[in-house]
Amino acid sequence: MTADPRSVLVWDWPVRLFHWSIVLLIPALWWTAEEGYMDWHRRFGLTMLGLVIFRLIWGFAGSWTARFMPMLRRITSVPAYLRELRAGTHKPVFGHNPMGVLSVFALLLMLSIQVGTGLFTVDVDGLESGPLSVLVTFDTGRELADIHELNFDLLSIFISLHIVAILTYRFWLKDHLVAPMIGGSRPRSDFAADTVHPVRSSPVMLTLAVLIALAGVYAALNAA
């Protein structure tokens, strides 16, 4: 089956899998923590750790739209992009738009803080703790638990704003962002020809990224 020549691939499947895995894991982590299912909370947390490690590696080894360097070059365009949004003259961007770039880095930072602190947290009674909590004092573990909770509150606010932004793009700016993150492609006519890049990645690099992510999870479970 040949690809539709009227469409162009924007997001590779590892990026899409990461995105929707996060969508599922965030509420699962919240619910298991609220209900006290800490064994499952740890399992989901370690899954999140593996995903974050993978995405950080994929930001250097993945396809063009997954890589951090092309994103970084778009940060300087944020003021101009905001002016275009206000004027209603913005056009779809191949990959993350300048505001989306800021969103990606903010999300990865908060997720890194969340999983990083979660590894060392200690509950108030000391009965529940992260897999690396034995490496820190009880007081340090409690301080990290406080950061863990505060960061999740900030993450929840960020996600809410992200959803509002997605809805704004969909219904006000008439820019569909969700469908391409599901199927990977957008109409080729959305983009100027000189802005489109091949979305290809190496199976070898993908395998290495997965293995390193798994090794990171294994290390977190066994380092103590």
N, C-alpha and C. Protein backbone atom coordinates (compact mmCIF):
# COMPACT_ATOMS: atom_id res chain seq x y z
N MET A 1 0.85 -1.20 0.00
CA MET A 1 0.00 0.00 0.00
C MET A 1 0.88 1.24 0.00
N THR A 2 0.70 2.10 -0.98
CA THR A 2 1.54 3.29 -1.09
C THR A 2 0.96 4.43 -0.27
N ALA A 3 1.86 5.33 0.15
CA ALA A 3 1.42 6.48 0.93
C ALA A 3 0.67 7.47 0.04
N ASP A 4 -0.26 8.17 0.64
CA ASP A 4 -1.02 9.18 -0.08
C ASP A 4 -0.09 10.34 -0.43
N PRO A 5 0.11 10.63 -1.73
CA PRO A 5 1.02 11.72 -2.11
C PRO A 5 0.52 13.09 -1.68
N ARG A 6 -0.75 13.17 -1.30
CA ARG A 6 -1.30 14.46 -0.87
C ARG A 6 -1.00 14.75 0.60
N SER A 7 -0.44 13.77 1.31
CA SER A 7 -0.12 13.95 2.72
C SER A 7 1.38 13.79 2.93
N VAL A 8 1.85 14.28 4.07
CA VAL A 8 3.26 14.19 4.40
C VAL A 8 3.38 13.77 5.86
N LEU A 9 4.31 12.87 6.13
CA LEU A 9 4.53 12.41 7.50
C LEU A 9 5.21 13.51 8.32
N VAL A 10 4.62 13.83 9.45
CA VAL A 10 5.17 14.87 10.33
C VAL A 10 5.76 14.26 11.59
N TRP A 11 5.08 13.27 12.17
CA TRP A 11 5.52 12.69 13.44
C TRP A 11 5.81 11.21 13.28
N ASP A 12 6.98 10.77 13.70
CA ASP A 12 7.28 9.34 13.66
C ASP A 12 6.50 8.62 14.76
N TRP A 13 6.41 7.30 14.64
CA TRP A 13 5.58 6.57 15.60
C TRP A 13 6.15 6.56 17.02
N PRO A 14 7.47 6.59 17.23
CA PRO A 14 7.95 6.67 18.62
C PRO A 14 7.50 7.95 19.33
N VAL A 15 7.50 9.08 18.62
CA VAL A 15 7.04 10.33 19.23
C VAL A 15 5.56 10.23 19.57
N ARG A 16 4.79 9.67 18.65
CA ARG A 16 3.35 9.55 18.91
C ARG A 16 3.08 8.59 20.05
N LEU A 17 3.81 7.48 20.11
CA LEU A 17 3.63 6.52 21.20
C LEU A 17 4.00 7.15 22.54
N PHE A 18 5.08 7.92 22.57
CA PHE A 18 5.47 8.62 23.79
C PHE A 18 4.35 9.56 24.23
N HIS A 19 3.85 10.35 23.30
CA HIS A 19 2.82 11.34 23.62
C HIS A 19 1.59 10.69 24.24
N TRP A 20 1.05 9.67 23.60
CA TRP A 20 -0.19 9.07 24.08
C TRP A 20 0.04 8.20 25.31
N SER A 21 1.25 7.69 25.48
CA SER A 21 1.57 6.97 26.72
C SER A 21 1.54 7.93 27.91
N ILE A 22 2.06 9.14 27.71
CA ILE A 22 2.01 10.15 28.76
C ILE A 22 0.56 10.51 29.08
N VAL A 23 -0.26 10.65 28.05
CA VAL A 23 -1.67 10.97 28.24
C VAL A 23 -2.35 9.93 29.14
N LEU A 24 -2.00 8.66 28.97
CA LEU A 24 -2.58 7.60 29.78
C LEU A 24 -1.94 7.51 31.17
N LEU A 25 -0.65 7.72 31.24
CA LEU A 25 0.07 7.52 32.51
C LEU A 25 -0.22 8.59 33.54
N ILE A 26 -0.35 9.84 33.12
CA ILE A 26 -0.56 10.93 34.08
C ILE A 26 -1.80 10.69 34.94
N PRO A 27 -2.98 10.45 34.36
CA PRO A 27 -4.13 10.16 35.21
C PRO A 27 -3.99 8.87 36.00
N ALA A 28 -3.31 7.87 35.43
CA ALA A 28 -3.10 6.61 36.15
C ALA A 28 -2.23 6.83 37.38
N LEU A 29 -1.20 7.63 37.25
CA LEU A 29 -0.32 7.94 38.38
C LEU A 29 -1.07 8.73 39.45
N TRP A 30 -1.87 9.69 39.02
CA TRP A 30 -2.66 10.47 39.98
C TRP A 30 -3.63 9.57 40.74
N TRP A 31 -4.35 8.73 40.01
CA TRP A 31 -5.38 7.89 40.64
C TRP A 31 -4.77 6.87 41.59
N THR A 32 -3.69 6.23 41.19
CA THR A 32 -3.08 5.23 42.08
C THR A 32 -2.52 5.87 43.34
N ALA A 33 -2.00 7.09 43.23
CA ALA A 33 -1.51 7.79 44.42
C ALA A 33 -2.66 8.19 45.34
N GLU A 34 -3.74 8.70 44.75
CA GLU A 34 -4.89 9.12 45.55
C GLU A 34 -5.56 7.95 46.26
N GLU A 35 -5.62 6.81 45.59
CA GLU A 35 -6.30 5.64 46.15
C GLU A 35 -5.38 4.75 46.98
N GLY A 36 -4.10 5.07 47.01
CA GLY A 36 -3.17 4.30 47.83
C GLY A 36 -2.67 3.02 47.20
N TYR A 37 -2.83 2.88 45.87
CA TYR A 37 -2.31 1.69 45.19
C TYR A 37 -0.84 1.94 44.83
N MET A 38 0.00 1.93 45.86
CA MET A 38 1.37 2.38 45.66
C MET A 38 2.22 1.41 44.85
N ASP A 39 1.90 0.11 44.89
CA ASP A 39 2.64 -0.82 44.04
C ASP A 39 2.44 -0.47 42.57
N TRP A 40 1.20 -0.18 42.20
CA TRP A 40 0.92 0.22 40.82
C TRP A 40 1.48 1.60 40.52
N HIS A 41 1.44 2.47 41.53
CA HIS A 41 2.00 3.81 41.34
C HIS A 41 3.49 3.71 41.00
N ARG A 42 4.20 2.82 41.70
CA ARG A 42 5.63 2.65 41.41
C ARG A 42 5.84 2.06 40.02
N ARG A 43 5.00 1.09 39.65
CA ARG A 43 5.13 0.49 38.31
C ARG A 43 4.92 1.54 37.22
N PHE A 44 3.86 2.32 37.38
CA PHE A 44 3.60 3.37 36.40
C PHE A 44 4.70 4.42 36.41
N GLY A 45 5.21 4.73 37.60
CA GLY A 45 6.29 5.71 37.70
C GLY A 45 7.55 5.25 37.00
N LEU A 46 7.87 3.97 37.14
CA LEU A 46 9.05 3.43 36.46
C LEU A 46 8.83 3.39 34.94
N THR A 47 7.59 3.14 34.53
CA THR A 47 7.28 3.21 33.11
C THR A 47 7.50 4.62 32.58
N MET A 48 7.05 5.60 33.38
CA MET A 48 7.28 7.00 33.01
C MET A 48 8.77 7.32 32.94
N LEU A 49 9.54 6.79 33.88
CA LEU A 49 10.99 7.00 33.86
C LEU A 49 11.58 6.49 32.55
N GLY A 50 11.20 5.29 32.15
CA GLY A 50 11.70 4.74 30.90
C GLY A 50 11.31 5.58 29.70
N LEU A 51 10.08 6.08 29.70
CA LEU A 51 9.62 6.92 28.59
C LEU A 51 10.39 8.23 28.51
N VAL A 52 10.64 8.84 29.68
CA VAL A 52 11.37 10.11 29.69
C VAL A 52 12.80 9.91 29.22
N ILE A 53 13.45 8.84 29.70
CA ILE A 53 14.81 8.55 29.24
C ILE A 53 14.83 8.36 27.74
N PHE A 54 13.87 7.57 27.24
CA PHE A 54 13.80 7.33 25.80
C PHE A 54 13.62 8.63 25.03
N ARG A 55 12.69 9.49 25.50
CA ARG A 55 12.40 10.72 24.75
C ARG A 55 13.60 11.66 24.75
N LEU A 56 14.35 11.70 25.84
CA LEU A 56 15.54 12.54 25.88
C LEU A 56 16.58 12.06 24.87
N ILE A 57 16.73 10.75 24.77
CA ILE A 57 17.66 10.19 23.78
C ILE A 57 17.13 10.44 22.37
N TRP A 58 15.84 10.23 22.19
CA TRP A 58 15.23 10.39 20.87
C TRP A 58 15.29 11.84 20.40
N GLY A 59 15.45 12.75 21.33
CA GLY A 59 15.61 14.15 20.98
C GLY A 59 16.93 14.44 20.28
N PHE A 60 17.85 13.50 20.34
CA PHE A 60 19.13 13.63 19.64
C PHE A 60 19.29 12.60 18.53
N ALA A 61 18.62 11.44 18.67
CA ALA A 61 18.83 10.35 17.73
C ALA A 61 17.64 10.07 16.83
N GLY A 62 16.52 10.75 17.07
CA GLY A 62 15.31 10.45 16.33
C GLY A 62 15.19 11.18 15.00
N SER A 63 13.98 11.21 14.49
CA SER A 63 13.71 11.87 13.21
C SER A 63 13.77 13.39 13.36
N TRP A 64 13.67 14.10 12.26
CA TRP A 64 13.87 15.55 12.27
C TRP A 64 12.93 16.26 13.23
N THR A 65 11.65 15.91 13.20
CA THR A 65 10.68 16.60 14.07
C THR A 65 10.79 16.17 15.52
N ALA A 66 11.50 15.08 15.79
CA ALA A 66 11.68 14.63 17.17
C ALA A 66 12.90 15.27 17.83
N ARG A 67 13.81 15.81 17.01
CA ARG A 67 15.09 16.29 17.54
C ARG A 67 14.98 17.67 18.18
N PHE A 68 15.82 17.86 19.20
CA PHE A 68 15.79 19.11 19.96
C PHE A 68 16.42 20.29 19.22
N MET A 69 17.45 20.05 18.44
CA MET A 69 18.15 21.17 17.80
C MET A 69 17.25 21.96 16.85
N PRO A 70 16.49 21.30 15.96
CA PRO A 70 15.56 22.08 15.13
C PRO A 70 14.54 22.85 15.96
N MET A 71 14.14 22.26 17.09
CA MET A 71 13.19 22.95 17.97
C MET A 71 13.83 24.19 18.58
N LEU A 72 15.06 24.06 19.05
CA LEU A 72 15.73 25.19 19.70
C LEU A 72 15.85 26.38 18.75
N ARG A 73 16.06 26.09 17.48
CA ARG A 73 16.20 27.18 16.51
C ARG A 73 14.89 27.96 16.32
N ARG A 74 13.78 27.36 16.75
CA ARG A 74 12.49 28.03 16.60
C ARG A 74 12.13 28.93 17.79
N ILE A 75 12.86 28.81 18.89
CA ILE A 75 12.52 29.60 20.07
C ILE A 75 12.62 31.09 19.78
N THR A 76 13.60 31.48 18.98
CA THR A 76 13.76 32.90 18.66
C THR A 76 12.58 33.45 17.86
N SER A 77 11.77 32.55 17.30
CA SER A 77 10.62 32.98 16.49
C SER A 77 9.36 33.16 17.32
N VAL A 78 9.43 32.94 18.63
CA VAL A 78 8.24 33.03 19.47
C VAL A 78 7.54 34.39 19.37
N PRO A 79 8.25 35.53 19.52
CA PRO A 79 7.56 36.83 19.43
C PRO A 79 6.85 37.03 18.09
N ALA A 80 7.53 36.69 17.00
CA ALA A 80 6.91 36.85 15.68
C ALA A 80 5.71 35.93 15.52
N TYR A 81 5.82 34.72 16.05
CA TYR A 81 4.71 33.77 15.96
C TYR A 81 3.50 34.26 16.74
N LEU A 82 3.74 34.84 17.93
CA LEU A 82 2.63 35.37 18.72
C LEU A 82 1.94 36.52 18.00
N ARG A 83 2.73 37.34 17.32
CA ARG A 83 2.13 38.44 16.54
C ARG A 83 1.25 37.88 15.42
N GLU A 84 1.71 36.81 14.79
CA GLU A 84 0.92 36.18 13.73
C GLU A 84 -0.38 35.60 14.28
N LEU A 85 -0.30 34.99 15.47
CA LEU A 85 -1.51 34.45 16.08
C LEU A 85 -2.53 35.55 16.37
N ARG A 86 -2.05 36.65 16.91
CA ARG A 86 -2.95 37.77 17.22
C ARG A 86 -3.57 38.36 15.95
N ALA A 87 -2.78 38.38 14.90
CA ALA A 87 -3.27 38.95 13.64
C ALA A 87 -4.09 37.96 12.82
N GLY A 88 -4.07 36.69 13.24
CA GLY A 88 -4.79 35.67 12.49
C GLY A 88 -4.11 35.29 11.20
N THR A 89 -2.81 35.52 11.11
CA THR A 89 -2.08 35.24 9.87
C THR A 89 -1.13 34.04 10.00
N HIS A 90 -1.22 33.33 11.11
CA HIS A 90 -0.29 32.21 11.32
C HIS A 90 -0.59 31.09 10.33
N LYS A 91 0.42 30.32 10.01
CA LYS A 91 0.28 29.17 9.13
C LYS A 91 0.78 27.92 9.86
N PRO A 92 0.26 26.73 9.50
CA PRO A 92 0.74 25.51 10.14
C PRO A 92 2.26 25.37 10.00
N VAL A 93 2.87 24.84 11.02
CA VAL A 93 4.32 24.67 11.06
C VAL A 93 4.65 23.19 10.97
N PHE A 94 5.64 22.85 10.18
CA PHE A 94 6.06 21.45 10.06
C PHE A 94 6.80 21.07 11.34
N GLY A 95 6.19 20.21 12.14
CA GLY A 95 6.75 19.89 13.46
C GLY A 95 6.12 20.78 14.51
N HIS A 96 6.84 21.01 15.59
CA HIS A 96 6.33 21.87 16.66
C HIS A 96 6.45 23.34 16.27
N ASN A 97 5.36 24.08 16.46
CA ASN A 97 5.46 25.52 16.27
C ASN A 97 6.25 26.13 17.44
N PRO A 98 6.65 27.40 17.35
CA PRO A 98 7.50 27.97 18.40
C PRO A 98 6.93 27.85 19.81
N MET A 99 5.61 28.03 19.97
CA MET A 99 5.01 27.87 21.29
C MET A 99 5.00 26.40 21.70
N GLY A 100 4.82 25.52 20.73
CA GLY A 100 4.87 24.10 21.00
C GLY A 100 6.24 23.65 21.47
N VAL A 101 7.28 24.28 20.95
CA VAL A 101 8.65 23.97 21.38
C VAL A 101 8.80 24.27 22.87
N LEU A 102 8.33 25.44 23.29
CA LEU A 102 8.40 25.79 24.71
C LEU A 102 7.62 24.78 25.54
N SER A 103 6.49 24.34 25.02
CA SER A 103 5.66 23.35 25.71
C SER A 103 6.39 22.03 25.87
N VAL A 104 7.07 21.60 24.82
CA VAL A 104 7.81 20.33 24.87
C VAL A 104 8.89 20.37 25.95
N PHE A 105 9.68 21.44 25.96
CA PHE A 105 10.76 21.52 26.94
C PHE A 105 10.22 21.67 28.36
N ALA A 106 9.14 22.41 28.53
CA ALA A 106 8.53 22.54 29.86
C ALA A 106 8.01 21.20 30.34
N LEU A 107 7.36 20.46 29.46
CA LEU A 107 6.82 19.15 29.83
C LEU A 107 7.93 18.18 30.21
N LEU A 108 8.97 18.12 29.39
CA LEU A 108 10.07 17.20 29.69
C LEU A 108 10.77 17.57 30.99
N LEU A 109 10.90 18.87 31.26
CA LEU A 109 11.51 19.30 32.52
C LEU A 109 10.66 18.85 33.70
N MET A 110 9.36 19.09 33.64
CA MET A 110 8.50 18.73 34.76
C MET A 110 8.39 17.21 34.93
N LEU A 111 8.35 16.48 33.82
CA LEU A 111 8.32 15.02 33.92
C LEU A 111 9.62 14.49 34.51
N SER A 112 10.74 15.09 34.14
CA SER A 112 12.03 14.67 34.69
C SER A 112 12.09 14.92 36.19
N ILE A 113 11.60 16.09 36.62
CA ILE A 113 11.55 16.39 38.05
C ILE A 113 10.63 15.40 38.76
N GLN A 114 9.50 15.10 38.14
CA GLN A 114 8.52 14.21 38.77
C GLN A 114 9.08 12.81 38.98
N VAL A 115 9.66 12.23 37.94
CA VAL A 115 10.18 10.87 38.09
C VAL A 115 11.46 10.87 38.92
N GLY A 116 12.26 11.94 38.80
CA GLY A 116 13.50 12.01 39.58
C GLY A 116 13.24 12.07 41.06
N THR A 117 12.32 12.94 41.48
CA THR A 117 12.00 13.03 42.91
C THR A 117 11.27 11.79 43.39
N GLY A 118 10.43 11.22 42.52
CA GLY A 118 9.69 10.03 42.92
C GLY A 118 10.57 8.85 43.28
N LEU A 119 11.74 8.78 42.69
CA LEU A 119 12.66 7.68 42.99
C LEU A 119 13.15 7.72 44.43
N PHE A 120 13.17 8.91 45.03
CA PHE A 120 13.77 9.07 46.36
C PHE A 120 12.76 9.44 47.45
N THR A 121 11.50 9.56 47.10
CA THR A 121 10.52 10.03 48.07
C THR A 121 10.29 9.04 49.21
N VAL A 122 9.94 9.59 50.37
CA VAL A 122 9.58 8.79 51.54
C VAL A 122 8.26 9.31 52.07
N ASP A 123 7.31 8.40 52.35
CA ASP A 123 6.03 8.80 52.91
C ASP A 123 6.21 9.28 54.34
N VAL A 124 5.21 9.99 54.85
CA VAL A 124 5.33 10.60 56.18
C VAL A 124 5.55 9.56 57.27
N ASP A 125 5.00 8.35 57.10
CA ASP A 125 5.20 7.30 58.10
C ASP A 125 6.36 6.37 57.75
N GLY A 126 7.00 6.63 56.62
CA GLY A 126 8.15 5.82 56.22
C GLY A 126 7.82 4.46 55.67
N LEU A 127 6.53 4.15 55.53
CA LEU A 127 6.13 2.82 55.07
C LEU A 127 6.16 2.69 53.55
N GLU A 128 5.92 3.78 52.85
CA GLU A 128 5.95 3.78 51.39
C GLU A 128 7.09 4.69 50.92
N SER A 129 7.84 4.21 49.94
CA SER A 129 8.99 5.00 49.49
C SER A 129 9.37 4.61 48.07
N GLY A 130 10.16 5.49 47.45
CA GLY A 130 10.66 5.22 46.11
C GLY A 130 11.78 4.20 46.15
N PRO A 131 12.12 3.62 45.00
CA PRO A 131 13.13 2.55 44.97
C PRO A 131 14.52 2.98 45.38
N LEU A 132 14.83 4.28 45.32
CA LEU A 132 16.16 4.75 45.70
C LEU A 132 16.14 5.53 47.01
N SER A 133 15.06 5.42 47.77
CA SER A 133 14.93 6.19 49.00
C SER A 133 15.97 5.81 50.05
N VAL A 134 16.49 4.59 49.97
CA VAL A 134 17.50 4.17 50.95
C VAL A 134 18.82 4.93 50.77
N LEU A 135 18.95 5.62 49.66
CA LEU A 135 20.19 6.36 49.40
C LEU A 135 20.18 7.75 50.02
N VAL A 136 19.03 8.18 50.55
CA VAL A 136 18.92 9.50 51.16
C VAL A 136 18.38 9.37 52.57
N THR A 137 18.52 10.44 53.35
CA THR A 137 17.99 10.44 54.71
C THR A 137 16.47 10.57 54.67
N PHE A 138 15.84 10.27 55.79
CA PHE A 138 14.38 10.39 55.87
C PHE A 138 13.94 11.82 55.60
N ASP A 139 14.64 12.79 56.19
CA ASP A 139 14.28 14.19 56.00
C ASP A 139 14.41 14.61 54.54
N THR A 140 15.49 14.15 53.90
CA THR A 140 15.67 14.47 52.47
C THR A 140 14.57 13.82 51.64
N GLY A 141 14.23 12.58 51.98
CA GLY A 141 13.15 11.89 51.28
C GLY A 141 11.82 12.61 51.42
N ARG A 142 11.58 13.17 52.61
CA ARG A 142 10.34 13.93 52.82
C ARG A 142 10.35 15.24 52.02
N GLU A 143 11.49 15.90 51.99
CA GLU A 143 11.59 17.14 51.21
C GLU A 143 11.35 16.87 49.72
N LEU A 144 11.91 15.76 49.25
CA LEU A 144 11.71 15.40 47.85
C LEU A 144 10.25 15.01 47.59
N ALA A 145 9.60 14.41 48.60
CA ALA A 145 8.18 14.08 48.46
C ALA A 145 7.35 15.36 48.32
N ASP A 146 7.72 16.39 49.08
CA ASP A 146 7.01 17.67 48.97
C ASP A 146 7.19 18.27 47.57
N ILE A 147 8.42 18.19 47.06
CA ILE A 147 8.68 18.69 45.70
C ILE A 147 7.89 17.87 44.68
N HIS A 148 7.83 16.55 44.92
CA HIS A 148 7.09 15.63 44.05
C HIS A 148 5.62 16.06 43.96
N GLU A 149 5.02 16.38 45.09
CA GLU A 149 3.61 16.78 45.12
C GLU A 149 3.41 18.16 44.49
N LEU A 150 4.29 19.10 44.83
CA LEU A 150 4.17 20.44 44.26
C LEU A 150 4.35 20.42 42.75
N ASN A 151 5.33 19.66 42.29
CA ASN A 151 5.58 19.60 40.85
C ASN A 151 4.40 18.99 40.12
N PHE A 152 3.74 18.00 40.75
CA PHE A 152 2.57 17.41 40.10
C PHE A 152 1.44 18.44 39.97
N ASP A 153 1.29 19.28 40.99
CA ASP A 153 0.29 20.35 40.90
C ASP A 153 0.61 21.28 39.73
N LEU A 154 1.88 21.65 39.60
CA LEU A 154 2.30 22.51 38.49
C LEU A 154 2.10 21.79 37.15
N LEU A 155 2.41 20.50 37.13
CA LEU A 155 2.23 19.71 35.92
C LEU A 155 0.76 19.65 35.52
N SER A 156 -0.12 19.52 36.51
CA SER A 156 -1.56 19.48 36.24
C SER A 156 -2.04 20.80 35.64
N ILE A 157 -1.54 21.91 36.18
CA ILE A 157 -1.89 23.23 35.64
C ILE A 157 -1.40 23.36 34.20
N PHE A 158 -0.16 22.92 33.99
CA PHE A 158 0.43 22.98 32.64
C PHE A 158 -0.39 22.17 31.65
N ILE A 159 -0.79 20.96 32.05
CA ILE A 159 -1.57 20.10 31.16
C ILE A 159 -2.92 20.74 30.84
N SER A 160 -3.53 21.36 31.85
CA SER A 160 -4.81 22.05 31.62
C SER A 160 -4.65 23.17 30.59
N LEU A 161 -3.58 23.95 30.73
CA LEU A 161 -3.31 25.02 29.77
C LEU A 161 -3.04 24.45 28.38
N HIS A 162 -2.35 23.32 28.34
CA HIS A 162 -2.05 22.66 27.07
C HIS A 162 -3.34 22.25 26.36
N ILE A 163 -4.28 21.70 27.13
CA ILE A 163 -5.56 21.28 26.55
C ILE A 163 -6.32 22.49 26.03
N VAL A 164 -6.31 23.58 26.80
CA VAL A 164 -6.97 24.81 26.35
C VAL A 164 -6.35 25.30 25.04
N ALA A 165 -5.02 25.23 24.96
CA ALA A 165 -4.33 25.66 23.74
C ALA A 165 -4.72 24.79 22.55
N ILE A 166 -4.79 23.48 22.76
CA ILE A 166 -5.19 22.56 21.69
C ILE A 166 -6.60 22.90 21.19
N LEU A 167 -7.51 23.14 22.13
CA LEU A 167 -8.89 23.48 21.75
C LEU A 167 -8.95 24.83 21.04
N THR A 168 -8.11 25.77 21.47
CA THR A 168 -8.06 27.08 20.82
C THR A 168 -7.60 26.94 19.38
N TYR A 169 -6.56 26.14 19.17
CA TYR A 169 -6.07 25.92 17.81
C TYR A 169 -7.15 25.25 16.95
N ARG A 170 -7.86 24.31 17.56
CA ARG A 170 -8.85 23.55 16.79
C ARG A 170 -10.05 24.39 16.39
N PHE A 171 -10.62 25.12 17.34
CA PHE A 171 -11.90 25.77 17.08
C PHE A 171 -11.79 27.25 16.73
N TRP A 172 -10.72 27.91 17.14
CA TRP A 172 -10.57 29.33 16.83
C TRP A 172 -9.62 29.54 15.66
N LEU A 173 -8.46 28.89 15.73
CA LEU A 173 -7.46 29.08 14.69
C LEU A 173 -7.60 28.10 13.53
N LYS A 174 -8.51 27.10 13.70
CA LYS A 174 -8.79 26.12 12.64
C LYS A 174 -7.54 25.34 12.25
N ASP A 175 -6.73 25.03 13.24
CA ASP A 175 -5.49 24.27 13.02
C ASP A 175 -5.61 22.96 13.79
N HIS A 176 -5.70 21.86 13.08
CA HIS A 176 -5.91 20.55 13.70
C HIS A 176 -4.56 19.98 14.16
N LEU A 177 -4.37 19.87 15.46
CA LEU A 177 -3.10 19.38 15.99
C LEU A 177 -3.19 17.95 16.52
N VAL A 178 -4.38 17.50 16.89
CA VAL A 178 -4.52 16.18 17.50
C VAL A 178 -4.43 15.07 16.46
N ALA A 179 -5.16 15.21 15.36
CA ALA A 179 -5.19 14.15 14.35
C ALA A 179 -3.80 13.78 13.85
N PRO A 180 -2.91 14.74 13.54
CA PRO A 180 -1.56 14.36 13.11
C PRO A 180 -0.77 13.62 14.19
N MET A 181 -1.07 13.91 15.47
CA MET A 181 -0.36 13.21 16.53
C MET A 181 -0.89 11.79 16.71
N ILE A 182 -2.02 11.49 16.07
CA ILE A 182 -2.55 10.13 16.06
C ILE A 182 -2.05 9.38 14.83
N GLY A 183 -2.32 9.95 13.67
CA GLY A 183 -1.96 9.27 12.42
C GLY A 183 -0.57 9.58 11.90
N GLY A 184 0.00 10.69 12.36
CA GLY A 184 1.36 11.04 11.96
C GLY A 184 1.47 12.01 10.80
N SER A 185 0.41 12.11 9.98
CA SER A 185 0.52 12.89 8.74
C SER A 185 -0.40 14.11 8.74
N ARG A 186 -0.07 15.06 7.87
CA ARG A 186 -0.91 16.21 7.59
C ARG A 186 -0.96 16.41 6.08
N PRO A 187 -1.96 17.14 5.59
CA PRO A 187 -1.98 17.43 4.15
C PRO A 187 -0.72 18.16 3.72
N ARG A 188 -0.15 17.74 2.63
CA ARG A 188 1.07 18.37 2.13
C ARG A 188 0.85 19.85 1.83
N SER A 189 -0.37 20.18 1.47
CA SER A 189 -0.68 21.57 1.13
C SER A 189 -0.62 22.52 2.33
N ASP A 190 -0.54 21.97 3.55
CA ASP A 190 -0.44 22.81 4.74
C ASP A 190 0.89 23.55 4.82
N PHE A 191 1.90 23.01 4.13
CA PHE A 191 3.25 23.53 4.32
C PHE A 191 3.86 24.00 3.00
N ALA A 192 4.71 25.02 3.12
CA ALA A 192 5.54 25.41 1.98
C ALA A 192 6.55 24.29 1.73
N ALA A 193 6.86 24.05 0.46
CA ALA A 193 7.72 22.92 0.10
C ALA A 193 9.08 22.98 0.78
N ASP A 194 9.62 24.18 0.98
CA ASP A 194 10.96 24.29 1.54
C ASP A 194 10.99 24.13 3.06
N THR A 195 9.82 23.92 3.69
CA THR A 195 9.79 23.71 5.14
C THR A 195 9.62 22.25 5.52
N VAL A 196 9.39 21.40 4.53
CA VAL A 196 9.15 19.98 4.80
C VAL A 196 10.47 19.22 4.84
N HIS A 197 10.61 18.36 5.85
CA HIS A 197 11.83 17.55 6.01
C HIS A 197 11.46 16.08 6.06
N PRO A 198 12.34 15.21 5.58
CA PRO A 198 12.07 13.77 5.70
C PRO A 198 12.00 13.36 7.17
N VAL A 199 10.97 12.59 7.50
CA VAL A 199 10.83 12.09 8.87
C VAL A 199 11.26 10.63 8.87
N ARG A 200 12.55 10.45 9.03
CA ARG A 200 13.13 9.10 9.02
C ARG A 200 14.00 8.93 10.26
N SER A 201 14.09 7.70 10.72
CA SER A 201 14.96 7.40 11.86
C SER A 201 15.59 6.04 11.67
N SER A 202 16.68 5.84 12.35
CA SER A 202 17.44 4.59 12.22
C SER A 202 16.89 3.52 13.16
N PRO A 203 16.58 2.33 12.64
CA PRO A 203 16.15 1.24 13.52
C PRO A 203 17.21 0.90 14.57
N VAL A 204 18.48 1.06 14.19
CA VAL A 204 19.56 0.79 15.15
C VAL A 204 19.51 1.78 16.30
N MET A 205 19.33 3.07 15.99
CA MET A 205 19.26 4.09 17.04
C MET A 205 18.00 3.90 17.89
N LEU A 206 16.92 3.49 17.25
CA LEU A 206 15.69 3.22 18.00
C LEU A 206 15.91 2.09 19.00
N THR A 207 16.55 1.02 18.53
CA THR A 207 16.83 -0.11 19.41
C THR A 207 17.73 0.29 20.57
N LEU A 208 18.77 1.07 20.26
CA LEU A 208 19.68 1.53 21.32
C LEU A 208 18.96 2.41 22.33
N ALA A 209 18.10 3.30 21.84
CA ALA A 209 17.35 4.18 22.74
C ALA A 209 16.45 3.38 23.68
N VAL A 210 15.80 2.36 23.13
CA VAL A 210 14.93 1.51 23.96
C VAL A 210 15.76 0.75 24.99
N LEU A 211 16.89 0.21 24.57
CA LEU A 211 17.74 -0.56 25.49
C LEU A 211 18.29 0.33 26.60
N ILE A 212 18.70 1.55 26.26
CA ILE A 212 19.21 2.46 27.28
C ILE A 212 18.11 2.84 28.26
N ALA A 213 16.90 3.07 27.75
CA ALA A 213 15.77 3.39 28.63
C ALA A 213 15.48 2.23 29.57
N LEU A 214 15.48 1.01 29.04
CA LEU A 214 15.26 -0.16 29.89
C LEU A 214 16.37 -0.32 30.92
N ALA A 215 17.61 -0.03 30.50
CA ALA A 215 18.73 -0.11 31.43
C ALA A 215 18.59 0.91 32.54
N GLY A 216 18.08 2.09 32.21
CA GLY A 216 17.86 3.12 33.22
C GLY A 216 16.83 2.68 34.25
N VAL A 217 15.76 2.06 33.80
CA VAL A 217 14.74 1.56 34.72
C VAL A 217 15.32 0.44 35.58
N TYR A 218 16.07 -0.46 34.96
CA TYR A 218 16.70 -1.55 35.71
C TYR A 218 17.65 -1.01 36.77
N ALA A 219 18.42 0.00 36.41
CA ALA A 219 19.36 0.60 37.36
C ALA A 219 18.62 1.24 38.53
N ALA A 220 17.49 1.89 38.24
CA ALA A 220 16.71 2.51 39.31
C ALA A 220 16.16 1.47 40.28
N LEU A 221 15.84 0.31 39.76
CA LEU A 221 15.30 -0.76 40.60
C LEU A 221 16.37 -1.46 41.42
N ASN A 222 17.60 -1.46 40.93
CA ASN A 222 18.64 -2.28 41.55
C ASN A 222 19.82 -1.50 42.11
N ALA A 223 19.84 -0.17 41.92
CA ALA A 223 20.98 0.61 42.39
C ALA A 223 21.13 0.59 43.90
N ALA A 224 20.01 0.45 44.60
CA ALA A 224 20.07 0.45 46.07
C ALA A 224 20.44 -0.92 46.59
